PDB file of N, CA and C in Angstrom:
ATOM      1  N   MET A   1      10.156 -26.555   7.275  1.00  0.00           N
ATOM      2  CA  MET A   1       8.776 -26.965   7.117  1.00  0.00           C
ATOM      3  C   MET A   1       8.086 -26.030   6.122  1.00  0.00           C
ATOM      4  N   LEU A   2       7.197 -26.563   5.327  1.00  0.00           N
ATOM      5  CA  LEU A   2       6.519 -25.772   4.304  1.00  0.00           C
ATOM      6  C   LEU A   2       5.657 -24.662   4.878  1.00  0.00           C
ATOM      7  N   THR A   3       5.068 -24.864   6.036  1.00  0.00           N
ATOM      8  CA  THR A   3       4.205 -23.828   6.606  1.00  0.00           C
ATOM      9  C   THR A   3       4.986 -22.578   6.977  1.00  0.00           C
ATOM     10  N   SER A   4       6.273 -22.711   7.203  1.00  0.00           N
ATOM     11  CA  SER A   4       7.078 -21.532   7.534  1.00  0.00           C
ATOM     12  C   SER A   4       7.371 -20.689   6.292  1.00  0.00           C
ATOM     13  N   ARG A   5       7.042 -21.181   5.135  1.00  0.00           N
ATOM     14  CA  ARG A   5       7.289 -20.448   3.896  1.00  0.00           C
ATOM     15  C   ARG A   5       6.115 -19.566   3.487  1.00  0.00           C
ATOM     16  N   THR A   6       5.079 -19.506   4.299  1.00  0.00           N
ATOM     17  CA  THR A   6       3.948 -18.631   4.010  1.00  0.00           C
ATOM     18  C   THR A   6       3.763 -17.665   5.166  1.00  0.00           C
ATOM     19  N   PRO A   7       3.502 -16.407   4.880  1.00  0.00           N
ATOM     20  CA  PRO A   7       3.275 -15.445   5.953  1.00  0.00           C
ATOM     21  C   PRO A   7       2.105 -15.826   6.864  1.00  0.00           C
ATOM     22  N   LEU A   8       1.140 -16.571   6.342  1.00  0.00           N
ATOM     23  CA  LEU A   8       0.011 -17.001   7.170  1.00  0.00           C
ATOM     24  C   LEU A   8       0.372 -18.153   8.088  1.00  0.00           C
ATOM     25  N   GLY A   9       1.506 -18.812   7.824  1.00  0.00           N
ATOM     26  CA  GLY A   9       2.002 -19.848   8.719  1.00  0.00           C
ATOM     27  C   GLY A   9       1.212 -21.140   8.696  1.00  0.00           C
ATOM     28  N   ARG A  10       0.491 -21.409   7.624  1.00  0.00           N
ATOM     29  CA  ARG A  10      -0.249 -22.663   7.527  1.00  0.00           C
ATOM     30  C   ARG A  10      -0.406 -23.037   6.062  1.00  0.00           C
ATOM     31  N   MET A  11      -0.700 -24.294   5.831  1.00  0.00           N
ATOM     32  CA  MET A  11      -0.965 -24.767   4.478  1.00  0.00           C
ATOM     33  C   MET A  11      -2.389 -24.375   4.101  1.00  0.00           C
ATOM     34  N   GLY A  12      -2.606 -24.149   2.824  1.00  0.00           N
ATOM     35  CA  GLY A  12      -3.934 -23.816   2.343  1.00  0.00           C
ATOM     36  C   GLY A  12      -4.851 -25.022   2.339  1.00  0.00           C
ATOM     37  N   THR A  13      -6.141 -24.750   2.361  1.00  0.00           N
ATOM     38  CA  THR A  13      -7.142 -25.807   2.324  1.00  0.00           C
ATOM     39  C   THR A  13      -7.945 -25.687   1.036  1.00  0.00           C
ATOM     40  N   THR A  14      -8.727 -26.694   0.759  1.00  0.00           N
ATOM     41  CA  THR A  14      -9.603 -26.612  -0.411  1.00  0.00           C
ATOM     42  C   THR A  14     -10.604 -25.477  -0.243  1.00  0.00           C
ATOM     43  N   ALA A  15     -10.995 -25.192   0.984  1.00  0.00           N
ATOM     44  CA  ALA A  15     -11.919 -24.080   1.239  1.00  0.00           C
ATOM     45  C   ALA A  15     -11.276 -22.741   0.893  1.00  0.00           C
ATOM     46  N   ASP A  16      -9.974 -22.583   1.132  1.00  0.00           N
ATOM     47  CA  ASP A  16      -9.275 -21.345   0.787  1.00  0.00           C
ATOM     48  C   ASP A  16      -9.338 -21.097  -0.716  1.00  0.00           C
ATOM     49  N   VAL A  17      -9.084 -22.124  -1.495  1.00  0.00           N
ATOM     50  CA  VAL A  17      -9.143 -21.999  -2.952  1.00  0.00           C
ATOM     51  C   VAL A  17     -10.585 -21.797  -3.390  1.00  0.00           C
ATOM     52  N   GLY A  18     -11.496 -22.544  -2.796  1.00  0.00           N
ATOM     53  CA  GLY A  18     -12.911 -22.414  -3.126  1.00  0.00           C
ATOM     54  C   GLY A  18     -13.443 -21.022  -2.870  1.00  0.00           C
ATOM     55  N   ASN A  19     -12.995 -20.375  -1.812  1.00  0.00           N
ATOM     56  CA  ASN A  19     -13.438 -19.013  -1.511  1.00  0.00           C
ATOM     57  C   ASN A  19     -13.018 -18.038  -2.608  1.00  0.00           C
ATOM     58  N   ALA A  20     -11.839 -18.229  -3.165  1.00  0.00           N
ATOM     59  CA  ALA A  20     -11.399 -17.373  -4.271  1.00  0.00           C
ATOM     60  C   ALA A  20     -12.267 -17.612  -5.505  1.00  0.00           C
ATOM     61  N   VAL A  21     -12.602 -18.861  -5.767  1.00  0.00           N
ATOM     62  CA  VAL A  21     -13.455 -19.189  -6.913  1.00  0.00           C
ATOM     63  C   VAL A  21     -14.837 -18.575  -6.733  1.00  0.00           C
ATOM     64  N   VAL A  22     -15.394 -18.700  -5.528  1.00  0.00           N
ATOM     65  CA  VAL A  22     -16.712 -18.131  -5.241  1.00  0.00           C
ATOM     66  C   VAL A  22     -16.698 -16.621  -5.454  1.00  0.00           C
ATOM     67  N   LEU A  23     -15.638 -15.956  -5.048  1.00  0.00           N
ATOM     68  CA  LEU A  23     -15.533 -14.517  -5.258  1.00  0.00           C
ATOM     69  C   LEU A  23     -15.673 -14.172  -6.738  1.00  0.00           C
ATOM     70  N   PHE A  24     -14.920 -14.854  -7.587  1.00  0.00           N
ATOM     71  CA  PHE A  24     -14.936 -14.524  -9.009  1.00  0.00           C
ATOM     72  C   PHE A  24     -16.215 -14.950  -9.711  1.00  0.00           C
ATOM     73  N   CYS A  25     -16.971 -15.824  -9.105  1.00  0.00           N
ATOM     74  CA  CYS A  25     -18.266 -16.238  -9.666  1.00  0.00           C
ATOM     75  C   CYS A  25     -19.412 -15.377  -9.143  1.00  0.00           C
ATOM     76  N   SER A  26     -19.128 -14.475  -8.232  1.00  0.00           N
ATOM     77  CA  SER A  26     -20.185 -13.684  -7.607  1.00  0.00           C
ATOM     78  C   SER A  26     -20.421 -12.370  -8.341  1.00  0.00           C
ATOM     79  N   GLU A  27     -21.558 -11.767  -8.047  1.00  0.00           N
ATOM     80  CA  GLU A  27     -21.892 -10.448  -8.601  1.00  0.00           C
ATOM     81  C   GLU A  27     -20.867  -9.396  -8.169  1.00  0.00           C
ATOM     82  N   GLY A  28     -20.285  -9.576  -6.999  1.00  0.00           N
ATOM     83  CA  GLY A  28     -19.312  -8.621  -6.486  1.00  0.00           C
ATOM     84  C   GLY A  28     -18.051  -8.513  -7.325  1.00  0.00           C
ATOM     85  N   ALA A  29     -17.814  -9.503  -8.175  1.00  0.00           N
ATOM     86  CA  ALA A  29     -16.627  -9.495  -9.030  1.00  0.00           C
ATOM     87  C   ALA A  29     -16.954  -9.010 -10.436  1.00  0.00           C
ATOM     88  N   GLY A  30     -18.106  -8.412 -10.616  1.00  0.00           N
ATOM     89  CA  GLY A  30     -18.546  -7.979 -11.933  1.00  0.00           C
ATOM     90  C   GLY A  30     -17.651  -6.953 -12.600  1.00  0.00           C
ATOM     91  N   TRP A  31     -16.850  -6.236 -11.847  1.00  0.00           N
ATOM     92  CA  TRP A  31     -15.995  -5.189 -12.398  1.00  0.00           C
ATOM     93  C   TRP A  31     -14.531  -5.624 -12.451  1.00  0.00           C
ATOM     94  N   ILE A  32     -14.235  -6.828 -12.014  1.00  0.00           N
ATOM     95  CA  ILE A  32     -12.863  -7.345 -12.023  1.00  0.00           C
ATOM     96  C   ILE A  32     -12.598  -7.983 -13.387  1.00  0.00           C
ATOM     97  N   THR A  33     -11.524  -7.535 -14.052  1.00  0.00           N
ATOM     98  CA  THR A  33     -11.164  -8.096 -15.355  1.00  0.00           C
ATOM     99  C   THR A  33      -9.690  -8.474 -15.376  1.00  0.00           C
ATOM    100  N   GLY A  34      -9.401  -9.625 -15.925  1.00  0.00           N
ATOM    101  CA  GLY A  34      -8.034 -10.058 -16.162  1.00  0.00           C
ATOM    102  C   GLY A  34      -7.132 -10.156 -14.957  1.00  0.00           C
ATOM    103  N   PRO A  35      -7.629 -10.586 -13.803  1.00  0.00           N
ATOM    104  CA  PRO A  35      -6.735 -10.663 -12.648  1.00  0.00           C
ATOM    105  C   PRO A  35      -5.865 -11.917 -12.668  1.00  0.00           C
ATOM    106  N   VAL A  36      -4.735 -11.816 -12.029  1.00  0.00           N
ATOM    107  CA  VAL A  36      -3.937 -12.989 -11.705  1.00  0.00           C
ATOM    108  C   VAL A  36      -3.934 -13.037 -10.186  1.00  0.00           C
ATOM    109  N   VAL A  37      -4.558 -14.050  -9.651  1.00  0.00           N
ATOM    110  CA  VAL A  37      -4.698 -14.165  -8.202  1.00  0.00           C
ATOM    111  C   VAL A  37      -3.937 -15.395  -7.737  1.00  0.00           C
ATOM    112  N   TYR A  38      -3.017 -15.184  -6.845  1.00  0.00           N
ATOM    113  CA  TYR A  38      -2.262 -16.287  -6.263  1.00  0.00           C
ATOM    114  C   TYR A  38      -2.914 -16.642  -4.937  1.00  0.00           C
ATOM    115  N   VAL A  39      -3.495 -17.813  -4.873  1.00  0.00           N
ATOM    116  CA  VAL A  39      -4.130 -18.283  -3.642  1.00  0.00           C
ATOM    117  C   VAL A  39      -3.089 -19.161  -2.957  1.00  0.00           C
ATOM    118  N   ASP A  40      -2.112 -18.492  -2.323  1.00  0.00           N
ATOM    119  CA  ASP A  40      -0.964 -19.213  -1.773  1.00  0.00           C
ATOM    120  C   ASP A  40      -0.564 -18.751  -0.371  1.00  0.00           C
ATOM    121  N   GLY A  41      -1.448 -18.043   0.303  1.00  0.00           N
ATOM    122  CA  GLY A  41      -1.143 -17.619   1.669  1.00  0.00           C
ATOM    123  C   GLY A  41      -0.009 -16.621   1.764  1.00  0.00           C
ATOM    124  N   GLY A  42       0.336 -15.990   0.670  1.00  0.00           N
ATOM    125  CA  GLY A  42       1.407 -15.003   0.655  1.00  0.00           C
ATOM    126  C   GLY A  42       2.768 -15.565   0.289  1.00  0.00           C
ATOM    127  N   ALA A  43       2.853 -16.855  -0.030  1.00  0.00           N
ATOM    128  CA  ALA A  43       4.147 -17.473  -0.357  1.00  0.00           C
ATOM    129  C   ALA A  43       4.813 -16.806  -1.543  1.00  0.00           C
ATOM    130  N   SER A  44       4.035 -16.312  -2.492  1.00  0.00           N
ATOM    131  CA  SER A  44       4.628 -15.666  -3.662  1.00  0.00           C
ATOM    132  C   SER A  44       5.263 -14.325  -3.319  1.00  0.00           C
ATOM    133  N   LEU A  45       5.016 -13.812  -2.140  1.00  0.00           N
ATOM    134  CA  LEU A  45       5.613 -12.555  -1.705  1.00  0.00           C
ATOM    135  C   LEU A  45       6.977 -12.746  -1.052  1.00  0.00           C
ATOM    136  N   MET A  46       7.308 -13.976  -0.710  1.00  0.00           N
ATOM    137  CA  MET A  46       8.556 -14.259  -0.009  1.00  0.00           C
ATOM    138  C   MET A  46       9.741 -14.100  -0.959  1.00  0.00           C
ATOM    139  N   ASP A  47      10.859 -13.657  -0.431  1.00  0.00           N
ATOM    140  CA  ASP A  47      12.074 -13.443  -1.205  1.00  0.00           C
ATOM    141  C   ASP A  47      13.105 -14.487  -0.801  1.00  0.00           C
ATOM    142  N   THR A  48      13.586 -15.261  -1.753  1.00  0.00           N
ATOM    143  CA  THR A  48      14.534 -16.336  -1.450  1.00  0.00           C
ATOM    144  C   THR A  48      15.913 -15.821  -1.046  1.00  0.00           C
ATOM    145  N   LEU A  49      16.174 -14.524  -1.214  1.00  0.00           N
ATOM    146  CA  LEU A  49      17.486 -13.980  -0.870  1.00  0.00           C
ATOM    147  C   LEU A  49      17.628 -13.642   0.608  1.00  0.00           C
ATOM    148  N   PHE A  50      16.509 -13.551   1.327  1.00  0.00           N
ATOM    149  CA  PHE A  50      16.550 -13.193   2.736  1.00  0.00           C
ATOM    150  C   PHE A  50      16.113 -14.365   3.592  1.00  0.00           C
ATOM    151  N   PRO A  51      16.702 -14.510   4.776  1.00  0.00           N
ATOM    152  CA  PRO A  51      16.334 -15.621   5.663  1.00  0.00           C
ATOM    153  C   PRO A  51      14.831 -15.564   6.031  1.00  0.00           C
ATOM    154  N   LEU A  52      14.233 -16.751   6.156  1.00  0.00           N
ATOM    155  CA  LEU A  52      12.814 -16.822   6.475  1.00  0.00           C
ATOM    156  C   LEU A  52      12.477 -16.177   7.813  1.00  0.00           C
ATOM    157  N   ASP A  53      13.359 -16.305   8.805  1.00  0.00           N
ATOM    158  CA  ASP A  53      13.048 -15.738  10.123  1.00  0.00           C
ATOM    159  C   ASP A  53      12.933 -14.219  10.075  1.00  0.00           C
ATOM    160  N   ILE A  54      13.641 -13.559   9.180  1.00  0.00           N
ATOM    161  CA  ILE A  54      13.526 -12.104   9.017  1.00  0.00           C
ATOM    162  C   ILE A  54      12.215 -11.769   8.328  1.00  0.00           C
ATOM    163  N   GLN A  55      11.852 -12.525   7.308  1.00  0.00           N
ATOM    164  CA  GLN A  55      10.649 -12.243   6.553  1.00  0.00           C
ATOM    165  C   GLN A  55       9.367 -12.535   7.335  1.00  0.00           C
ATOM    166  N   CYS A  56       9.393 -13.561   8.142  1.00  0.00           N
ATOM    167  CA  CYS A  56       8.191 -13.970   8.879  1.00  0.00           C
ATOM    168  C   CYS A  56       8.070 -13.256  10.219  1.00  0.00           C
ATOM    169  N   GLY A  57       9.083 -12.552  10.604  1.00  0.00           N
ATOM    170  CA  GLY A  57       9.026 -11.791  11.844  1.00  0.00           C
ATOM    171  C   GLY A  57       9.361 -12.612  13.005  1.00  0.00           C
TER     172      GLY A  57
END
């Protein structure tokens, strides 16, 4: 199942992506330059060489 491929254990929502957009549009992000932000629930941190049950705990 796809949800097992993210450390958060769930699929992302439009609100999850929207929250990242709101952050970068806010005054609080005034000092952030050139970021690459993966809004993927941690899926990009997973390693395909190790079994999912080890990685997800």
